[in-house]
Amino acid sequence: MHVANLEDAWLDGADLSGARGSGASFERSSGQGMQLTDAGFVGASFECARLAGAVLRAAALARCTFEAADVSDLRETNLERVHFRQAKLQEARLSRVNAEGADFSGAQLDKADGSEANFEDADFTGASLRGMTPSRCNFEGARFSGAYLARMDHGPRAVRCTS
């Protein structure tokens, strides 16, 4: 799949596992329950997409935009330099993601599972991480200005940070 325009598309329950594309647009699409396991959409836009229940596990989504999107399952996914500004990631599964340099500013990560994730140099400015589980995460260089961190479940050896 090359430069696909799936804006405003109804993709609920669609199986796009293994699909590939660069610069594809899923803006304002509904992809609830959609399967994108092992998919690769580098530089794609999922802006304002409704992806609750969608499975994006082990996908390559580097440099994508999920601004104001609703996403729930991103386990083991490459989210390097992905934009999640104002995204709805409550209770999202983010375990083992590589979100190095990702922008989570203003995002809602309440009760998300970030176990063993790499959030190095990520921006959480103004984000809500209430009740998030960040066990064994790397937050080295991450920014939390104005972020809400109350009731974050740190657990033993939860985060690795350096000044």
C-alpha atoms as a PDB file:
ATOM      1  CA  MET A   1       0.000   0.000   0.000  1.00  0.00           C
ATOM      2  CA  HIS A   2       1.586   3.320  -1.063  1.00  0.00           C
ATOM      3  CA  VAL A   3       0.349   6.803  -0.080  1.00  0.00           C
ATOM      4  CA  ALA A   4      -3.176   5.627   0.629  1.00  0.00           C
ATOM      5  CA  ASN A   5      -5.878   8.165   1.421  1.00  0.00           C
ATOM      6  CA  LEU A   6      -8.223   6.574   3.934  1.00  0.00           C
ATOM      7  CA  GLU A   7      -9.483   9.827   5.447  1.00  0.00           C
ATOM      8  CA  ASP A   8     -12.961   9.573   7.002  1.00  0.00           C
ATOM      9  CA  ALA A   9     -13.001   5.851   6.115  1.00  0.00           C
ATOM     10  CA  TRP A  10     -15.010   3.308   8.077  1.00  0.00           C
ATOM     11  CA  LEU A  11     -12.513   0.534   8.856  1.00  0.00           C
ATOM     12  CA  ASP A  12     -14.120  -1.006  11.947  1.00  0.00           C
ATOM     13  CA  GLY A  13     -12.984  -4.616  12.277  1.00  0.00           C
ATOM     14  CA  ALA A  14     -10.779  -4.452   9.139  1.00  0.00           C
ATOM     15  CA  ASP A  15      -7.663  -6.634   9.102  1.00  0.00           C
ATOM     16  CA  LEU A  16      -4.712  -4.685   7.724  1.00  0.00           C
ATOM     17  CA  SER A  17      -2.103  -6.855   9.453  1.00  0.00           C
ATOM     18  CA  GLY A  18       1.216  -6.729   7.634  1.00  0.00           C
ATOM     19  CA  ALA A  19       0.123  -3.813   5.406  1.00  0.00           C
ATOM     20  CA  ARG A  20       2.811  -1.268   4.435  1.00  0.00           C
ATOM     21  CA  GLY A  21       2.643   2.344   3.368  1.00  0.00           C
ATOM     22  CA  SER A  22       4.478   5.622   3.651  1.00  0.00           C
ATOM     23  CA  GLY A  23       2.595   8.848   4.268  1.00  0.00           C
ATOM     24  CA  ALA A  24      -0.840   7.175   4.335  1.00  0.00           C
ATOM     25  CA  SER A  25      -3.707   9.182   5.817  1.00  0.00           C
ATOM     26  CA  PHE A  26      -6.215   7.643   8.232  1.00  0.00           C
ATOM     27  CA  GLU A  27      -7.384  11.057   9.475  1.00  0.00           C
ATOM     28  CA  ARG A  28     -10.818  11.035  11.139  1.00  0.00           C
ATOM     29  CA  SER A  29     -11.212   7.342  10.254  1.00  0.00           C
ATOM     30  CA  SER A  30     -13.079   4.904  12.419  1.00  0.00           C
ATOM     31  CA  GLY A  31     -10.973   1.781  12.944  1.00  0.00           C
ATOM     32  CA  GLN A  32     -12.468   0.339  16.102  1.00  0.00           C
ATOM     33  CA  GLY A  33     -11.348  -3.268  16.482  1.00  0.00           C
ATOM     34  CA  MET A  34      -9.114  -2.953  13.406  1.00  0.00           C
ATOM     35  CA  GLN A  35      -6.051  -5.227  13.195  1.00  0.00           C
ATOM     36  CA  LEU A  36      -2.742  -3.584  12.237  1.00  0.00           C
ATOM     37  CA  THR A  37      -0.412  -6.189  13.742  1.00  0.00           C
ATOM     38  CA  ASP A  38       3.056  -6.077  12.137  1.00  0.00           C
ATOM     39  CA  ALA A  39       1.922  -3.245   9.840  1.00  0.00           C
ATOM     40  CA  GLY A  40       4.308  -0.512   8.716  1.00  0.00           C
ATOM     41  CA  PHE A  41       3.010   3.009   8.148  1.00  0.00           C
ATOM     42  CA  VAL A  42       6.007   5.322   8.517  1.00  0.00           C
ATOM     43  CA  GLY A  43       4.976   8.978   8.480  1.00  0.00           C
ATOM     44  CA  ALA A  44       1.245   8.190   8.315  1.00  0.00           C
ATOM     45  CA  SER A  45      -1.417  10.427   9.848  1.00  0.00           C
ATOM     46  CA  PHE A  46      -3.991   8.962  12.232  1.00  0.00           C
ATOM     47  CA  GLU A  47      -5.076  12.422  13.377  1.00  0.00           C
ATOM     48  CA  CYS A  48      -8.470  12.349  15.136  1.00  0.00           C
ATOM     49  CA  ALA A  49      -8.864   8.643  14.271  1.00  0.00           C
ATOM     50  CA  ARG A  50     -11.075   6.489  16.492  1.00  0.00           C
ATOM     51  CA  LEU A  51      -8.993   3.363  17.098  1.00  0.00           C
ATOM     52  CA  ALA A  52     -10.432   2.103  20.389  1.00  0.00           C
ATOM     53  CA  GLY A  53      -9.994  -1.655  20.494  1.00  0.00           C
ATOM     54  CA  ALA A  54      -7.702  -1.572  17.450  1.00  0.00           C
ATOM     55  CA  VAL A  55      -4.592  -3.749  17.718  1.00  0.00           C
ATOM     56  CA  LEU A  56      -1.422  -2.096  16.431  1.00  0.00           C
ATOM     57  CA  ARG A  57       0.889  -4.599  18.110  1.00  0.00           C
ATOM     58  CA  ALA A  58       4.464  -4.851  16.798  1.00  0.00           C
ATOM     59  CA  ALA A  59       3.728  -2.245  14.113  1.00  0.00           C
ATOM     60  CA  ALA A  60       6.318   0.164  12.693  1.00  0.00           C
ATOM     61  CA  LEU A  61       4.770   3.608  13.096  1.00  0.00           C
ATOM     62  CA  ALA A  62       7.815   5.874  13.289  1.00  0.00           C
ATOM     63  CA  ARG A  63       7.140   9.577  12.634  1.00  0.00           C
ATOM     64  CA  CYS A  64       3.345   9.050  12.502  1.00  0.00           C
ATOM     65  CA  THR A  65       0.812  11.519  13.878  1.00  0.00           C
ATOM     66  CA  PHE A  66      -1.907  10.390  16.293  1.00  0.00           C
ATOM     67  CA  GLU A  67      -2.922  13.904  17.360  1.00  0.00           C
ATOM     68  CA  ALA A  68      -6.283  13.791  19.213  1.00  0.00           C
ATOM     69  CA  ALA A  69      -6.685  10.113  18.271  1.00  0.00           C
ATOM     70  CA  ASP A  70      -8.210   7.444  20.523  1.00  0.00           C
ATOM     71  CA  VAL A  71      -5.813   4.443  20.683  1.00  0.00           C
ATOM     72  CA  SER A  72      -5.706   1.430  23.016  1.00  0.00           C
ATOM     73  CA  ASP A  73      -3.211  -1.304  22.010  1.00  0.00           C
ATOM     74  CA  LEU A  74       0.310  -0.383  20.876  1.00  0.00           C
ATOM     75  CA  ARG A  75       2.317  -3.158  22.561  1.00  0.00           C
ATOM     76  CA  GLU A  76       5.829  -3.792  21.176  1.00  0.00           C
ATOM     77  CA  THR A  77       5.415  -1.036  18.575  1.00  0.00           C
ATOM     78  CA  ASN A  78       8.042   1.355  17.201  1.00  0.00           C
ATOM     79  CA  LEU A  79       6.687   4.797  18.086  1.00  0.00           C
ATOM     80  CA  GLU A  80       9.921   6.696  17.549  1.00  0.00           C
ATOM     81  CA  ARG A  81       9.217  10.429  17.113  1.00  0.00           C
ATOM     82  CA  VAL A  82       5.449   9.792  16.909  1.00  0.00           C
ATOM     83  CA  HIS A  83       3.093  12.687  17.768  1.00  0.00           C
ATOM     84  CA  PHE A  84       0.365  11.852  20.312  1.00  0.00           C
ATOM     85  CA  ARG A  85      -0.596  15.456  21.162  1.00  0.00           C
ATOM     86  CA  GLN A  86      -3.967  15.508  22.949  1.00  0.00           C
ATOM     87  CA  ALA A  87      -4.394  11.758  22.230  1.00  0.00           C
ATOM     88  CA  LYS A  88      -6.708   9.589  24.308  1.00  0.00           C
ATOM     89  CA  LEU A  89      -4.510   6.770  25.612  1.00  0.00           C
ATOM     90  CA  GLN A  90      -6.371   5.922  28.822  1.00  0.00           C
ATOM     91  CA  GLU A  91      -5.753   2.300  29.826  1.00  0.00           C
ATOM     92  CA  ALA A  92      -3.682   1.881  26.637  1.00  0.00           C
ATOM     93  CA  ARG A  93      -1.292  -1.043  26.399  1.00  0.00           C
ATOM     94  CA  LEU A  94       2.130   0.499  25.756  1.00  0.00           C
ATOM     95  CA  SER A  95       4.335  -2.293  27.079  1.00  0.00           C
ATOM     96  CA  ARG A  96       7.706  -2.665  25.359  1.00  0.00           C
ATOM     97  CA  VAL A  97       7.132   0.253  22.964  1.00  0.00           C
ATOM     98  CA  ASN A  98      10.021   2.317  21.663  1.00  0.00           C
ATOM     99  CA  ALA A  99       8.664   5.851  22.010  1.00  0.00           C
ATOM    100  CA  GLU A 100      12.013   7.628  21.882  1.00  0.00           C
ATOM    101  CA  GLY A 101      11.470  11.308  21.130  1.00  0.00           C
ATOM    102  CA  ALA A 102       7.677  10.883  20.983  1.00  0.00           C
ATOM    103  CA  ASP A 103       5.410  13.839  21.763  1.00  0.00           C
ATOM    104  CA  PHE A 104       2.717  13.012  24.342  1.00  0.00           C
ATOM    105  CA  SER A 105       2.027  16.655  25.231  1.00  0.00           C
ATOM    106  CA  GLY A 106      -1.492  17.065  26.569  1.00  0.00           C
ATOM    107  CA  ALA A 107      -2.212  13.345  26.088  1.00  0.00           C
ATOM    108  CA  GLN A 108      -4.347  11.342  28.511  1.00  0.00           C
ATOM    109  CA  LEU A 109      -2.320   8.297  29.630  1.00  0.00           C
ATOM    110  CA  ASP A 110      -4.367   7.568  32.760  1.00  0.00           C
ATOM    111  CA  LYS A 111      -4.032   3.918  33.869  1.00  0.00           C
ATOM    112  CA  ALA A 112      -1.928   3.069  30.777  1.00  0.00           C
ATOM    113  CA  ASP A 113       0.478   0.134  31.010  1.00  0.00           C
ATOM    114  CA  GLY A 114       3.945   1.337  30.029  1.00  0.00           C
ATOM    115  CA  SER A 115       5.872  -1.693  31.305  1.00  0.00           C
ATOM    116  CA  GLU A 116       9.417  -2.000  29.915  1.00  0.00           C
ATOM    117  CA  ALA A 117       8.839   0.906  27.507  1.00  0.00           C
ATOM    118  CA  ASN A 118      11.459   3.309  26.193  1.00  0.00           C
ATOM    119  CA  PHE A 119      10.287   6.924  26.605  1.00  0.00           C
ATOM    120  CA  GLU A 120      13.757   8.434  26.237  1.00  0.00           C
ATOM    121  CA  ASP A 121      13.572  12.142  25.294  1.00  0.00           C
ATOM    122  CA  ALA A 122       9.747  11.954  25.091  1.00  0.00           C
ATOM    123  CA  ASP A 123       7.671  15.056  25.819  1.00  0.00           C
ATOM    124  CA  PHE A 124       4.889  14.627  28.401  1.00  0.00           C
ATOM    125  CA  THR A 125       4.276  18.379  28.850  1.00  0.00           C
ATOM    126  CA  GLY A 126       0.777  18.875  30.259  1.00  0.00           C
ATOM    127  CA  ALA A 127      -0.039  15.154  29.928  1.00  0.00           C
ATOM    128  CA  SER A 128      -2.034  13.189  32.490  1.00  0.00           C
ATOM    129  CA  LEU A 129      -0.308   9.995  33.666  1.00  0.00           C
ATOM    130  CA  ARG A 130      -2.623   9.368  36.630  1.00  0.00           C
ATOM    131  CA  GLY A 131      -2.380   5.710  37.688  1.00  0.00           C
ATOM    132  CA  MET A 132      -0.012   4.805  34.821  1.00  0.00           C
ATOM    133  CA  THR A 133       2.162   1.724  35.353  1.00  0.00           C
ATOM    134  CA  PRO A 134       5.684   2.554  34.128  1.00  0.00           C
ATOM    135  CA  SER A 135       7.573  -0.451  35.554  1.00  0.00           C
ATOM    136  CA  ARG A 136      11.126  -0.837  34.236  1.00  0.00           C
ATOM    137  CA  CYS A 137      10.769   2.124  31.839  1.00  0.00           C
ATOM    138  CA  ASN A 138      13.403   4.453  30.500  1.00  0.00           C
ATOM    139  CA  PHE A 139      12.425   8.123  30.917  1.00  0.00           C
ATOM    140  CA  GLU A 140      15.943   9.477  30.417  1.00  0.00           C
ATOM    141  CA  GLY A 141      15.716  13.035  29.094  1.00  0.00           C
ATOM    142  CA  ALA A 142      11.893  13.008  29.124  1.00  0.00           C
ATOM    143  CA  ARG A 143      10.076  16.289  29.860  1.00  0.00           C
ATOM    144  CA  PHE A 144       7.161  16.432  32.342  1.00  0.00           C
ATOM    145  CA  SER A 145       6.489  20.182  32.677  1.00  0.00           C
ATOM    146  CA  GLY A 146       2.916  20.639  33.901  1.00  0.00           C
ATOM    147  CA  ALA A 147       2.212  16.888  33.698  1.00  0.00           C
ATOM    148  CA  TYR A 148      -0.140  15.258  36.218  1.00  0.00           C
ATOM    149  CA  LEU A 149       1.732  12.345  37.818  1.00  0.00           C
ATOM    150  CA  ALA A 150      -0.378  11.665  40.938  1.00  0.00           C
ATOM    151  CA  ARG A 151      -1.104   8.045  41.807  1.00  0.00           C
ATOM    152  CA  MET A 152       1.394   6.844  39.203  1.00  0.00           C
ATOM    153  CA  ASP A 153       2.217   3.228  40.115  1.00  0.00           C
ATOM    154  CA  HIS A 154       6.008   3.349  40.336  1.00  0.00           C
ATOM    155  CA  GLY A 155       6.642  -0.108  41.816  1.00  0.00           C
ATOM    156  CA  PRO A 156      10.184  -1.312  42.517  1.00  0.00           C
ATOM    157  CA  ARG A 157      12.789  -0.119  39.990  1.00  0.00           C
ATOM    158  CA  ALA A 158      10.031   1.530  37.999  1.00  0.00           C
ATOM    159  CA  VAL A 159      11.966   4.126  36.076  1.00  0.00           C
ATOM    160  CA  ARG A 160      15.508   4.875  34.994  1.00  0.00           C
ATOM    161  CA  CYS A 161      16.243   8.558  34.853  1.00  0.00           C
ATOM    162  CA  THR A 162      19.370  10.648  34.646  1.00  0.00           C
ATOM    163  CA  SER A 163      19.832  14.356  35.098  1.00  0.00           C
END
